[in-house]
Amino acid sequence: MGFFTRAAQWAGHGITMPVPTSNPKSSRFMRIAQGIDVRPFLSELAAAPEMWLADTSRQRKVRCQRDTQNIFLRVAKKPLPPGARNANNVHASRVTRSASRFPQALEYCQRIADLQGGELGRATLVALQPQGCVRPHVDAGAYYRIRDRYHLVLKSPSGSPLTASGETVVMREGELWAFDNKAKHDARNPSDETRVHLIFDVLPPQGCGYYVLPPLG
């Protein structure tokens, strides 16, 4: 079942039909929904600003993410299984203690996974600093290879440019996007305000991956 067929099942759940940014056979991006009321998620963030500093490991240890701050809602389950060199090859995930402060954000991620009959993976609230960037990288490993990546834009007054394989889109507040994070990609925040996205992964039903694409020639 392809993306457009499955998307019809989302009608009546507050999820609009998808609007592809270009030919869906070659596009690395697809806008799933727009006009989403993100105020509940922003209210959760406003009530817990200290959580941005609860875990700074990603911006300290992952060079391409050094301009970001992160609040982890779901992460790789530890201890890592035998043979797994890092979390990129770990499929199991767990809810973090921080997630208790953001029940509506986590519920939204679960809702999207449920609507497509998939399994929710990791989920993170990510703030990209003013004039900051996420440097080009590929999300490699067994975990990412079989999952689809989603961005819900919570705060981005000037829009969020994101590029994958040379294709660029500008994501806007209240929009939900899927994109191929298995391609080399980067993001920018050209504004003087912090940009905030809710980013999460979904393992789709077998044969129904939206962005588990073969290499494009």
N, C-alpha and C. Protein backbone atom coordinates (compact mmCIF):
# COMPACT_ATOMS: atom_id res chain seq x y z
N MET A 1 0.85 -1.19 0.00
CA MET A 1 0.00 0.00 0.00
C MET A 1 0.88 1.23 0.00
N GLY A 2 0.73 2.12 -0.99
CA GLY A 2 1.57 3.30 -1.10
C GLY A 2 1.12 4.42 -0.19
N PHE A 3 1.92 5.48 -0.19
CA PHE A 3 1.64 6.60 0.71
C PHE A 3 0.28 7.22 0.46
N PHE A 4 -0.04 7.51 -0.80
CA PHE A 4 -1.28 8.22 -1.09
C PHE A 4 -2.50 7.38 -0.72
N THR A 5 -2.42 6.06 -0.94
CA THR A 5 -3.54 5.20 -0.58
C THR A 5 -3.74 5.19 0.93
N ARG A 6 -2.65 5.00 1.66
CA ARG A 6 -2.76 4.94 3.12
C ARG A 6 -3.18 6.28 3.70
N ALA A 7 -2.74 7.38 3.08
CA ALA A 7 -3.08 8.69 3.62
C ALA A 7 -4.58 8.92 3.65
N ALA A 8 -5.32 8.29 2.73
CA ALA A 8 -6.77 8.46 2.72
C ALA A 8 -7.39 7.96 4.01
N GLN A 9 -6.73 7.01 4.67
CA GLN A 9 -7.26 6.47 5.92
C GLN A 9 -7.16 7.48 7.06
N TRP A 10 -6.38 8.55 6.86
CA TRP A 10 -6.17 9.52 7.92
C TRP A 10 -7.29 10.56 7.97
N ALA A 11 -8.14 10.58 6.95
CA ALA A 11 -9.24 11.54 6.92
C ALA A 11 -10.10 11.40 8.18
N GLY A 12 -10.49 12.52 8.74
CA GLY A 12 -11.31 12.51 9.93
C GLY A 12 -10.51 12.45 11.22
N HIS A 13 -9.18 12.44 11.09
CA HIS A 13 -8.32 12.40 12.27
C HIS A 13 -7.51 13.69 12.42
N GLY A 14 -7.93 14.74 11.72
CA GLY A 14 -7.21 15.99 11.80
C GLY A 14 -5.95 16.01 10.97
N ILE A 15 -5.76 15.02 10.10
CA ILE A 15 -4.60 14.95 9.24
C ILE A 15 -5.07 15.14 7.81
N THR A 16 -4.58 16.17 7.15
CA THR A 16 -5.00 16.46 5.79
C THR A 16 -4.32 15.52 4.82
N MET A 17 -4.85 15.48 3.61
CA MET A 17 -4.19 14.69 2.57
C MET A 17 -2.82 15.27 2.28
N PRO A 18 -1.84 14.45 1.93
CA PRO A 18 -0.49 14.93 1.71
C PRO A 18 -0.39 15.82 0.48
N VAL A 19 0.52 16.77 0.57
CA VAL A 19 0.78 17.67 -0.55
C VAL A 19 2.25 17.50 -0.93
N PRO A 20 2.56 16.72 -1.96
CA PRO A 20 3.96 16.50 -2.31
C PRO A 20 4.61 17.77 -2.82
N THR A 21 5.88 17.97 -2.49
CA THR A 21 6.59 19.16 -2.92
C THR A 21 7.09 19.03 -4.34
N SER A 22 7.18 17.82 -4.85
CA SER A 22 7.60 17.58 -6.23
C SER A 22 7.16 16.17 -6.60
N ASN A 23 7.67 15.66 -7.71
CA ASN A 23 7.30 14.32 -8.13
C ASN A 23 7.52 13.34 -6.99
N PRO A 24 6.45 12.67 -6.49
CA PRO A 24 6.62 11.80 -5.33
C PRO A 24 7.54 10.62 -5.59
N LYS A 25 7.82 10.30 -6.87
CA LYS A 25 8.73 9.19 -7.16
C LYS A 25 10.18 9.57 -6.91
N SER A 26 10.48 10.86 -6.90
CA SER A 26 11.87 11.28 -6.74
C SER A 26 12.08 12.21 -5.55
N SER A 27 11.00 12.74 -4.99
CA SER A 27 11.14 13.70 -3.91
C SER A 27 11.64 13.04 -2.64
N ARG A 28 12.48 13.74 -1.94
CA ARG A 28 12.96 13.30 -0.64
C ARG A 28 12.06 13.83 0.48
N PHE A 29 11.07 14.64 0.15
CA PHE A 29 10.23 15.27 1.14
C PHE A 29 8.75 15.11 0.80
N MET A 30 7.92 15.11 1.83
CA MET A 30 6.49 15.21 1.61
C MET A 30 5.85 15.90 2.81
N ARG A 31 5.05 16.91 2.51
CA ARG A 31 4.29 17.57 3.56
C ARG A 31 3.03 16.76 3.82
N ILE A 32 2.89 16.27 5.04
CA ILE A 32 1.78 15.40 5.39
C ILE A 32 0.56 16.21 5.81
N ALA A 33 0.78 17.26 6.57
CA ALA A 33 -0.33 18.04 7.12
C ALA A 33 0.12 19.46 7.38
N GLN A 34 -0.85 20.36 7.44
CA GLN A 34 -0.57 21.76 7.74
C GLN A 34 -1.68 22.29 8.63
N GLY A 35 -1.45 23.46 9.23
CA GLY A 35 -2.46 24.06 10.09
C GLY A 35 -2.66 23.33 11.41
N ILE A 36 -1.66 22.56 11.84
CA ILE A 36 -1.76 21.84 13.11
C ILE A 36 -1.62 22.83 14.27
N ASP A 37 -2.47 22.73 15.26
CA ASP A 37 -2.40 23.60 16.43
C ASP A 37 -1.26 23.12 17.32
N VAL A 38 -0.16 23.86 17.32
CA VAL A 38 1.02 23.45 18.09
C VAL A 38 1.09 24.12 19.45
N ARG A 39 0.07 24.92 19.80
CA ARG A 39 0.11 25.63 21.08
C ARG A 39 0.22 24.71 22.29
N PRO A 40 -0.44 23.55 22.30
CA PRO A 40 -0.28 22.67 23.46
C PRO A 40 1.16 22.22 23.68
N PHE A 41 1.89 21.97 22.59
CA PHE A 41 3.27 21.54 22.71
C PHE A 41 4.17 22.68 23.16
N LEU A 42 3.90 23.87 22.66
CA LEU A 42 4.68 25.04 23.08
C LEU A 42 4.42 25.37 24.55
N SER A 43 3.19 25.13 25.00
CA SER A 43 2.87 25.36 26.41
C SER A 43 3.66 24.40 27.30
N GLU A 44 3.78 23.16 26.87
CA GLU A 44 4.59 22.20 27.63
C GLU A 44 6.04 22.65 27.72
N LEU A 45 6.56 23.15 26.62
CA LEU A 45 7.95 23.64 26.62
C LEU A 45 8.11 24.87 27.50
N ALA A 46 7.15 25.77 27.44
CA ALA A 46 7.23 26.99 28.25
C ALA A 46 7.20 26.70 29.74
N ALA A 47 6.55 25.59 30.11
CA ALA A 47 6.44 25.22 31.52
C ALA A 47 7.68 24.49 32.03
N ALA A 48 8.57 24.13 31.13
CA ALA A 48 9.75 23.35 31.56
C ALA A 48 11.00 23.77 30.79
N PRO A 49 11.37 25.06 30.81
CA PRO A 49 12.53 25.51 30.03
C PRO A 49 13.84 24.88 30.47
N GLU A 50 13.90 24.46 31.74
CA GLU A 50 15.14 23.87 32.25
C GLU A 50 15.45 22.53 31.60
N MET A 51 14.45 21.92 30.96
CA MET A 51 14.67 20.60 30.38
C MET A 51 15.61 20.64 29.17
N TRP A 52 15.78 21.82 28.57
CA TRP A 52 16.72 21.92 27.45
C TRP A 52 18.16 21.62 27.88
N LEU A 53 18.43 21.75 29.17
CA LEU A 53 19.80 21.51 29.67
C LEU A 53 19.91 20.22 30.46
N ALA A 54 18.86 19.42 30.48
CA ALA A 54 18.87 18.18 31.25
C ALA A 54 19.82 17.15 30.66
N ASP A 55 19.98 17.15 29.35
CA ASP A 55 20.88 16.21 28.68
C ASP A 55 21.52 16.93 27.50
N THR A 56 22.78 17.26 27.62
CA THR A 56 23.48 18.01 26.57
C THR A 56 24.43 17.12 25.77
N SER A 57 24.26 15.81 25.88
CA SER A 57 25.20 14.89 25.25
C SER A 57 25.23 15.02 23.73
N ARG A 58 24.08 15.25 23.13
CA ARG A 58 24.05 15.24 21.67
C ARG A 58 24.84 16.41 21.09
N GLN A 59 24.62 17.62 21.62
CA GLN A 59 25.35 18.76 21.07
C GLN A 59 26.82 18.75 21.47
N ARG A 60 27.16 18.04 22.53
CA ARG A 60 28.57 17.94 22.93
C ARG A 60 29.32 16.88 22.16
N LYS A 61 28.66 15.78 21.85
CA LYS A 61 29.36 14.62 21.27
C LYS A 61 29.15 14.45 19.78
N VAL A 62 28.07 14.99 19.24
CA VAL A 62 27.78 14.82 17.81
C VAL A 62 28.05 16.15 17.12
N ARG A 63 29.13 16.20 16.39
CA ARG A 63 29.60 17.48 15.86
C ARG A 63 28.57 18.19 15.00
N CYS A 64 27.87 17.46 14.16
CA CYS A 64 26.92 18.11 13.26
C CYS A 64 25.73 18.71 14.00
N GLN A 65 25.54 18.32 15.28
CA GLN A 65 24.40 18.79 16.07
C GLN A 65 24.79 19.84 17.12
N ARG A 66 25.99 20.40 17.01
CA ARG A 66 26.47 21.25 18.09
C ARG A 66 25.70 22.56 18.25
N ASP A 67 24.93 22.96 17.25
CA ASP A 67 24.11 24.17 17.37
C ASP A 67 22.71 23.88 17.90
N THR A 68 22.47 22.65 18.34
CA THR A 68 21.14 22.28 18.79
C THR A 68 21.09 22.09 20.30
N GLN A 69 19.87 22.11 20.82
CA GLN A 69 19.55 21.62 22.15
C GLN A 69 18.44 20.60 22.00
N ASN A 70 18.43 19.59 22.87
CA ASN A 70 17.53 18.47 22.68
C ASN A 70 16.86 18.07 23.98
N ILE A 71 15.60 17.70 23.87
CA ILE A 71 14.88 17.07 24.97
C ILE A 71 14.42 15.71 24.46
N PHE A 72 14.98 14.66 25.02
CA PHE A 72 14.72 13.31 24.53
C PHE A 72 13.46 12.74 25.17
N LEU A 73 12.51 12.33 24.33
CA LEU A 73 11.26 11.73 24.80
C LEU A 73 11.30 10.21 24.72
N ARG A 74 11.89 9.69 23.66
CA ARG A 74 12.11 8.26 23.50
C ARG A 74 13.52 8.07 22.95
N VAL A 75 14.26 7.12 23.51
CA VAL A 75 15.65 6.90 23.11
C VAL A 75 15.91 5.41 22.95
N ALA A 76 17.11 5.09 22.46
CA ALA A 76 17.50 3.69 22.33
C ALA A 76 17.54 3.02 23.70
N LYS A 77 17.07 1.80 23.74
CA LYS A 77 17.04 1.06 25.00
C LYS A 77 18.43 0.55 25.35
N LYS A 78 18.82 0.77 26.59
CA LYS A 78 20.11 0.30 27.08
C LYS A 78 19.90 -0.70 28.20
N PRO A 79 20.89 -1.58 28.45
CA PRO A 79 22.19 -1.64 27.77
C PRO A 79 22.07 -2.11 26.33
N LEU A 80 23.04 -1.70 25.51
CA LEU A 80 23.03 -2.11 24.13
C LEU A 80 23.21 -3.62 24.03
N PRO A 81 22.53 -4.24 23.09
CA PRO A 81 22.68 -5.70 22.94
C PRO A 81 24.07 -6.07 22.47
N PRO A 82 24.48 -7.30 22.68
CA PRO A 82 25.81 -7.75 22.23
C PRO A 82 25.99 -7.51 20.73
N GLY A 83 27.14 -6.97 20.39
CA GLY A 83 27.45 -6.74 18.99
C GLY A 83 27.06 -5.38 18.47
N ALA A 84 26.25 -4.63 19.22
CA ALA A 84 25.84 -3.29 18.79
C ALA A 84 26.88 -2.28 19.23
N ARG A 85 27.57 -1.66 18.27
CA ARG A 85 28.63 -0.72 18.60
C ARG A 85 28.10 0.61 19.07
N ASN A 86 26.91 0.97 18.61
CA ASN A 86 26.30 2.23 19.02
C ASN A 86 24.79 2.14 18.84
N ALA A 87 24.09 3.19 19.24
CA ALA A 87 22.62 3.19 19.23
C ALA A 87 22.04 3.15 17.82
N ASN A 88 22.85 3.48 16.80
CA ASN A 88 22.33 3.48 15.43
C ASN A 88 21.91 2.09 14.97
N ASN A 89 22.37 1.07 15.67
CA ASN A 89 22.03 -0.30 15.29
C ASN A 89 21.12 -0.98 16.32
N VAL A 90 20.51 -0.19 17.18
CA VAL A 90 19.62 -0.71 18.22
C VAL A 90 18.18 -0.39 17.83
N HIS A 91 17.33 -1.41 17.74
CA HIS A 91 15.95 -1.19 17.32
C HIS A 91 15.01 -0.87 18.48
N ALA A 92 15.24 -1.44 19.64
CA ALA A 92 14.34 -1.22 20.78
C ALA A 92 14.51 0.19 21.33
N SER A 93 13.39 0.79 21.74
CA SER A 93 13.43 2.13 22.32
C SER A 93 12.61 2.16 23.60
N ARG A 94 12.83 3.19 24.37
CA ARG A 94 12.12 3.34 25.65
C ARG A 94 11.76 4.79 25.87
N VAL A 95 10.77 5.01 26.71
CA VAL A 95 10.36 6.37 27.09
C VAL A 95 11.32 6.89 28.15
N THR A 96 11.72 8.15 28.06
CA THR A 96 12.62 8.75 29.04
C THR A 96 11.83 9.34 30.21
N ARG A 97 12.54 9.64 31.27
CA ARG A 97 11.90 10.33 32.39
C ARG A 97 11.47 11.74 32.01
N SER A 98 12.22 12.36 31.13
CA SER A 98 11.88 13.71 30.68
C SER A 98 10.52 13.75 29.98
N ALA A 99 10.13 12.63 29.37
CA ALA A 99 8.88 12.59 28.60
C ALA A 99 7.66 12.86 29.47
N SER A 100 7.77 12.62 30.77
CA SER A 100 6.63 12.86 31.65
C SER A 100 6.23 14.33 31.69
N ARG A 101 7.15 15.22 31.29
CA ARG A 101 6.85 16.65 31.25
C ARG A 101 6.19 17.06 29.94
N PHE A 102 6.14 16.15 28.98
CA PHE A 102 5.65 16.48 27.64
C PHE A 102 4.66 15.42 27.14
N PRO A 103 3.61 15.16 27.90
CA PRO A 103 2.69 14.09 27.53
C PRO A 103 1.97 14.33 26.20
N GLN A 104 1.64 15.59 25.90
CA GLN A 104 0.92 15.86 24.66
C GLN A 104 1.82 15.68 23.44
N ALA A 105 3.06 16.07 23.57
CA ALA A 105 4.00 15.87 22.45
C ALA A 105 4.19 14.39 22.18
N LEU A 106 4.38 13.61 23.23
CA LEU A 106 4.60 12.18 23.05
C LEU A 106 3.34 11.50 22.52
N GLU A 107 2.18 11.93 22.99
CA GLU A 107 0.92 11.36 22.51
C GLU A 107 0.72 11.63 21.02
N TYR A 108 1.15 12.82 20.57
CA TYR A 108 1.01 13.15 19.16
C TYR A 108 1.85 12.19 18.30
N CYS A 109 3.08 11.96 18.72
CA CYS A 109 3.94 11.02 17.99
C CYS A 109 3.30 9.64 17.92
N GLN A 110 2.76 9.20 19.05
CA GLN A 110 2.12 7.89 19.09
C GLN A 110 0.90 7.84 18.19
N ARG A 111 0.18 8.94 18.14
CA ARG A 111 -1.03 9.00 17.31
C ARG A 111 -0.70 8.83 15.83
N ILE A 112 0.37 9.49 15.39
CA ILE A 112 0.76 9.36 13.98
C ILE A 112 1.19 7.93 13.69
N ALA A 113 1.93 7.33 14.60
CA ALA A 113 2.34 5.93 14.41
C ALA A 113 1.12 5.02 14.34
N ASP A 114 0.16 5.24 15.22
CA ASP A 114 -1.04 4.40 15.25
C ASP A 114 -1.87 4.56 13.99
N LEU A 115 -1.95 5.79 13.46
CA LEU A 115 -2.77 6.04 12.28
C LEU A 115 -2.25 5.27 11.06
N GLN A 116 -0.96 5.01 11.02
CA GLN A 116 -0.44 4.26 9.88
C GLN A 116 -0.17 2.80 10.24
N GLY A 117 -0.61 2.38 11.43
CA GLY A 117 -0.41 1.00 11.82
C GLY A 117 1.03 0.65 12.05
N GLY A 118 1.83 1.67 12.43
CA GLY A 118 3.25 1.47 12.64
C GLY A 118 3.64 1.45 14.10
N GLU A 119 4.93 1.43 14.33
CA GLU A 119 5.49 1.36 15.68
C GLU A 119 6.35 2.59 15.93
N LEU A 120 6.03 3.33 16.98
CA LEU A 120 6.79 4.54 17.29
C LEU A 120 8.20 4.17 17.74
N GLY A 121 9.18 4.88 17.20
CA GLY A 121 10.57 4.70 17.61
C GLY A 121 11.01 5.83 18.53
N ARG A 122 12.09 6.46 18.19
CA ARG A 122 12.64 7.53 19.02
C ARG A 122 11.93 8.85 18.73
N ALA A 123 11.94 9.74 19.72
CA ALA A 123 11.28 11.03 19.58
C ALA A 123 12.07 12.06 20.38
N THR A 124 12.25 13.24 19.79
CA THR A 124 13.08 14.27 20.39
C THR A 124 12.53 15.65 20.06
N LEU A 125 12.53 16.53 21.03
CA LEU A 125 12.27 17.94 20.80
C LEU A 125 13.62 18.59 20.53
N VAL A 126 13.73 19.29 19.41
CA VAL A 126 15.03 19.84 19.00
C VAL A 126 14.92 21.34 18.76
N ALA A 127 15.79 22.09 19.41
CA ALA A 127 15.88 23.53 19.22
C ALA A 127 17.16 23.83 18.44
N LEU A 128 17.05 24.51 17.32
CA LEU A 128 18.21 24.93 16.54
C LEU A 128 18.42 26.41 16.82
N GLN A 129 19.61 26.75 17.27
CA GLN A 129 19.89 28.10 17.73
C GLN A 129 19.82 29.13 16.60
N PRO A 130 19.57 30.40 16.93
CA PRO A 130 19.53 31.46 15.91
C PRO A 130 20.79 31.47 15.06
N GLN A 131 20.61 31.56 13.76
CA GLN A 131 21.70 31.55 12.78
C GLN A 131 22.53 30.26 12.84
N GLY A 132 21.96 29.22 13.45
CA GLY A 132 22.67 27.96 13.58
C GLY A 132 22.38 27.02 12.41
N CYS A 133 23.08 25.89 12.41
CA CYS A 133 22.86 24.91 11.36
C CYS A 133 23.11 23.51 11.90
N VAL A 134 22.47 22.55 11.27
CA VAL A 134 22.80 21.13 11.46
C VAL A 134 23.61 20.75 10.24
N ARG A 135 24.85 20.39 10.44
CA ARG A 135 25.76 20.17 9.34
C ARG A 135 25.43 18.90 8.56
N PRO A 136 25.84 18.84 7.30
CA PRO A 136 25.48 17.69 6.45
C PRO A 136 25.88 16.35 7.07
N HIS A 137 24.95 15.42 7.05
CA HIS A 137 25.20 14.10 7.60
C HIS A 137 24.16 13.13 7.07
N VAL A 138 24.38 11.85 7.30
CA VAL A 138 23.44 10.79 6.96
C VAL A 138 23.09 10.05 8.24
N ASP A 139 21.83 9.77 8.45
CA ASP A 139 21.43 8.95 9.60
C ASP A 139 21.57 7.49 9.19
N ALA A 140 22.73 6.94 9.49
CA ALA A 140 23.07 5.59 9.04
C ALA A 140 22.88 4.58 10.15
N GLY A 141 22.71 3.33 9.76
CA GLY A 141 22.59 2.25 10.72
C GLY A 141 21.30 1.48 10.55
N ALA A 142 21.24 0.31 11.16
CA ALA A 142 20.09 -0.58 11.02
C ALA A 142 18.81 0.04 11.53
N TYR A 143 18.90 0.85 12.60
CA TYR A 143 17.69 1.48 13.15
C TYR A 143 17.05 2.40 12.12
N TYR A 144 17.84 3.29 11.54
CA TYR A 144 17.29 4.29 10.61
C TYR A 144 16.89 3.67 9.28
N ARG A 145 17.57 2.60 8.88
CA ARG A 145 17.37 2.05 7.55
C ARG A 145 15.93 1.64 7.29
N ILE A 146 15.21 1.22 8.31
CA ILE A 146 13.85 0.70 8.11
C ILE A 146 12.77 1.59 8.70
N ARG A 147 13.13 2.80 9.09
CA ARG A 147 12.14 3.69 9.71
C ARG A 147 11.98 4.97 8.92
N ASP A 148 10.82 5.61 9.10
CA ASP A 148 10.52 6.88 8.46
C ASP A 148 10.67 8.01 9.46
N ARG A 149 11.20 9.13 9.00
CA ARG A 149 11.48 10.28 9.86
C ARG A 149 10.43 11.39 9.63
N TYR A 150 9.93 11.93 10.73
CA TYR A 150 8.92 12.99 10.68
C TYR A 150 9.40 14.21 11.44
N HIS A 151 9.02 15.39 10.93
CA HIS A 151 9.26 16.66 11.61
C HIS A 151 7.92 17.38 11.77
N LEU A 152 7.56 17.75 12.99
CA LEU A 152 6.45 18.66 13.24
C LEU A 152 7.07 19.98 13.66
N VAL A 153 6.80 21.04 12.90
CA VAL A 153 7.40 22.34 13.16
C VAL A 153 6.59 23.07 14.23
N LEU A 154 7.22 23.30 15.38
CA LEU A 154 6.54 23.95 16.50
C LEU A 154 6.77 25.46 16.52
N LYS A 155 7.99 25.87 16.20
CA LYS A 155 8.33 27.30 16.22
C LYS A 155 9.38 27.57 15.16
N SER A 156 9.02 28.41 14.20
CA SER A 156 9.95 28.75 13.12
C SER A 156 9.41 29.96 12.37
N PRO A 157 9.54 31.15 12.96
CA PRO A 157 8.92 32.35 12.38
C PRO A 157 9.32 32.61 10.94
N SER A 158 10.56 32.28 10.56
CA SER A 158 11.03 32.55 9.21
C SER A 158 11.02 31.32 8.33
N GLY A 159 10.53 30.20 8.85
CA GLY A 159 10.56 28.95 8.10
C GLY A 159 11.84 28.19 8.35
N SER A 160 11.79 26.88 8.13
CA SER A 160 12.92 25.99 8.41
C SER A 160 13.43 25.37 7.11
N PRO A 161 14.51 25.90 6.54
CA PRO A 161 15.08 25.27 5.34
C PRO A 161 15.76 23.95 5.71
N LEU A 162 15.46 22.91 4.93
CA LEU A 162 16.09 21.62 5.12
C LEU A 162 16.41 21.05 3.74
N THR A 163 17.62 20.57 3.59
CA THR A 163 18.08 20.06 2.30
C THR A 163 18.44 18.59 2.41
N ALA A 164 18.02 17.79 1.44
CA ALA A 164 18.40 16.38 1.35
C ALA A 164 18.71 16.06 -0.10
N SER A 165 19.89 15.54 -0.36
CA SER A 165 20.33 15.19 -1.72
C SER A 165 20.14 16.34 -2.70
N GLY A 166 20.45 17.55 -2.25
CA GLY A 166 20.37 18.71 -3.12
C GLY A 166 18.99 19.31 -3.28
N GLU A 167 17.99 18.69 -2.70
CA GLU A 167 16.61 19.20 -2.78
C GLU A 167 16.29 19.93 -1.47
N THR A 168 15.78 21.15 -1.57
CA THR A 168 15.51 21.97 -0.39
C THR A 168 14.04 22.32 -0.29
N VAL A 169 13.50 22.21 0.91
CA VAL A 169 12.16 22.70 1.20
C VAL A 169 12.25 23.64 2.39
N VAL A 170 11.22 24.44 2.57
CA VAL A 170 11.13 25.31 3.74
C VAL A 170 9.89 24.88 4.52
N MET A 171 10.11 24.33 5.69
CA MET A 171 9.02 23.86 6.54
C MET A 171 8.50 25.02 7.38
N ARG A 172 7.19 25.07 7.57
CA ARG A 172 6.56 26.18 8.28
C ARG A 172 5.89 25.70 9.57
N GLU A 173 5.66 26.63 10.46
CA GLU A 173 5.01 26.31 11.73
C GLU A 173 3.67 25.62 11.50
N GLY A 174 3.40 24.59 12.28
CA GLY A 174 2.14 23.86 12.16
C GLY A 174 2.10 22.85 11.05
N GLU A 175 3.24 22.58 10.41
CA GLU A 175 3.29 21.59 9.34
C GLU A 175 3.97 20.32 9.83
N LEU A 176 3.47 19.18 9.35
CA LEU A 176 4.09 17.88 9.60
C LEU A 176 4.69 17.39 8.29
N TRP A 177 5.98 17.07 8.31
CA TRP A 177 6.69 16.62 7.12
C TRP A 177 7.30 15.24 7.35
N ALA A 178 7.40 14.46 6.28
CA ALA A 178 8.22 13.27 6.24
C ALA A 178 9.36 13.55 5.28
N PHE A 179 10.54 13.02 5.58
CA PHE A 179 11.64 13.18 4.64
C PHE A 179 12.62 12.03 4.77
N ASP A 180 13.44 11.88 3.75
CA ASP A 180 14.37 10.76 3.68
C ASP A 180 15.66 11.12 4.40
N ASN A 181 15.76 10.77 5.67
CA ASN A 181 16.97 11.10 6.43
C ASN A 181 18.10 10.11 6.16
N LYS A 182 17.85 9.14 5.27
CA LYS A 182 18.90 8.23 4.86
C LYS A 182 19.75 8.83 3.74
N ALA A 183 19.29 9.94 3.19
CA ALA A 183 20.09 10.72 2.25
C ALA A 183 20.89 11.76 3.04
N LYS A 184 21.99 12.24 2.46
CA LYS A 184 22.75 13.30 3.14
C LYS A 184 21.88 14.53 3.25
N HIS A 185 21.79 15.09 4.45
CA HIS A 185 20.90 16.21 4.67
C HIS A 185 21.50 17.20 5.66
N ASP A 186 20.97 18.42 5.62
CA ASP A 186 21.39 19.46 6.55
C ASP A 186 20.24 20.43 6.75
N ALA A 187 20.31 21.20 7.81
CA ALA A 187 19.24 22.16 8.14
C ALA A 187 19.86 23.48 8.57
N ARG A 188 19.09 24.55 8.40
CA ARG A 188 19.58 25.88 8.76
C ARG A 188 18.49 26.65 9.47
N ASN A 189 18.90 27.56 10.32
CA ASN A 189 17.99 28.50 10.95
C ASN A 189 18.48 29.90 10.63
N PRO A 190 17.96 30.52 9.57
CA PRO A 190 18.47 31.83 9.15
C PRO A 190 17.93 32.99 9.97
N SER A 191 17.10 32.70 10.95
CA SER A 191 16.45 33.76 11.73
C SER A 191 17.25 34.08 12.99
N ASP A 192 16.80 35.10 13.70
CA ASP A 192 17.41 35.50 14.96
C ASP A 192 16.63 34.94 16.15
N GLU A 193 15.78 33.96 15.90
CA GLU A 193 15.03 33.30 16.96
C GLU A 193 15.28 31.79 16.90
N THR A 194 15.11 31.14 18.03
CA THR A 194 15.29 29.70 18.09
C THR A 194 14.21 28.98 17.29
N ARG A 195 14.59 27.97 16.55
CA ARG A 195 13.67 27.13 15.78
C ARG A 195 13.47 25.82 16.54
N VAL A 196 12.21 25.39 16.70
CA VAL A 196 11.92 24.19 17.48
C VAL A 196 11.08 23.23 16.65
N HIS A 197 11.55 21.97 16.56
CA HIS A 197 10.83 20.91 15.87
C HIS A 197 10.63 19.73 16.82
N LEU A 198 9.54 19.01 16.64
CA LEU A 198 9.33 17.71 17.27
C LEU A 198 9.68 16.68 16.21
N ILE A 199 10.72 15.88 16.45
CA ILE A 199 11.24 14.94 15.45
C ILE A 199 11.06 13.52 15.98
N PHE A 200 10.50 12.65 15.14
CA PHE A 200 10.27 11.28 15.60
C PHE A 200 10.31 10.31 14.43
N ASP A 201 10.49 9.03 14.77
CA ASP A 201 10.60 7.97 13.78
C ASP A 201 9.48 6.96 13.95
N VAL A 202 9.06 6.39 12.83
CA VAL A 202 8.01 5.37 12.84
C VAL A 202 8.46 4.19 11.99
N LEU A 203 8.33 3.00 12.54
CA LEU A 203 8.54 1.77 11.78
C LEU A 203 7.22 1.42 11.12
N PRO A 204 7.10 1.56 9.79
CA PRO A 204 5.82 1.32 9.13
C PRO A 204 5.53 -0.17 8.98
N PRO A 205 4.28 -0.51 8.70
CA PRO A 205 3.97 -1.92 8.40
C PRO A 205 4.82 -2.39 7.23
N GLN A 206 5.12 -3.65 7.19
CA GLN A 206 5.98 -4.20 6.15
C GLN A 206 5.43 -3.86 4.77
N GLY A 207 6.29 -3.30 3.94
CA GLY A 207 5.90 -2.96 2.57
C GLY A 207 5.23 -1.62 2.43
N CYS A 208 5.11 -0.86 3.55
CA CYS A 208 4.39 0.41 3.49
C CYS A 208 5.27 1.60 3.81
N GLY A 209 6.59 1.44 3.73
CA GLY A 209 7.47 2.56 4.07
C GLY A 209 7.28 3.72 3.12
N TYR A 210 7.11 4.90 3.66
CA TYR A 210 6.89 6.09 2.84
C TYR A 210 8.21 6.60 2.29
N TYR A 211 9.25 6.57 3.10
CA TYR A 211 10.52 7.12 2.68
C TYR A 211 11.66 6.13 2.83
N VAL A 212 11.35 4.86 2.92
CA VAL A 212 12.39 3.83 2.81
C VAL A 212 12.58 3.59 1.32
N LEU A 213 13.39 4.43 0.70
CA LEU A 213 13.51 4.45 -0.75
C LEU A 213 14.77 3.74 -1.21
N PRO A 214 14.73 3.14 -2.39
CA PRO A 214 15.96 2.63 -2.99
C PRO A 214 16.84 3.81 -3.40
N PRO A 215 18.13 3.61 -3.57
CA PRO A 215 18.99 4.70 -4.04
C PRO A 215 18.49 5.24 -5.38
N LEU A 216 18.48 6.55 -5.50
CA LEU A 216 18.06 7.17 -6.75
C LEU A 216 19.28 7.33 -7.66
N GLY A 217 19.09 6.99 -8.91
CA GLY A 217 20.22 6.99 -9.83
C GLY A 217 20.59 8.32 -10.32
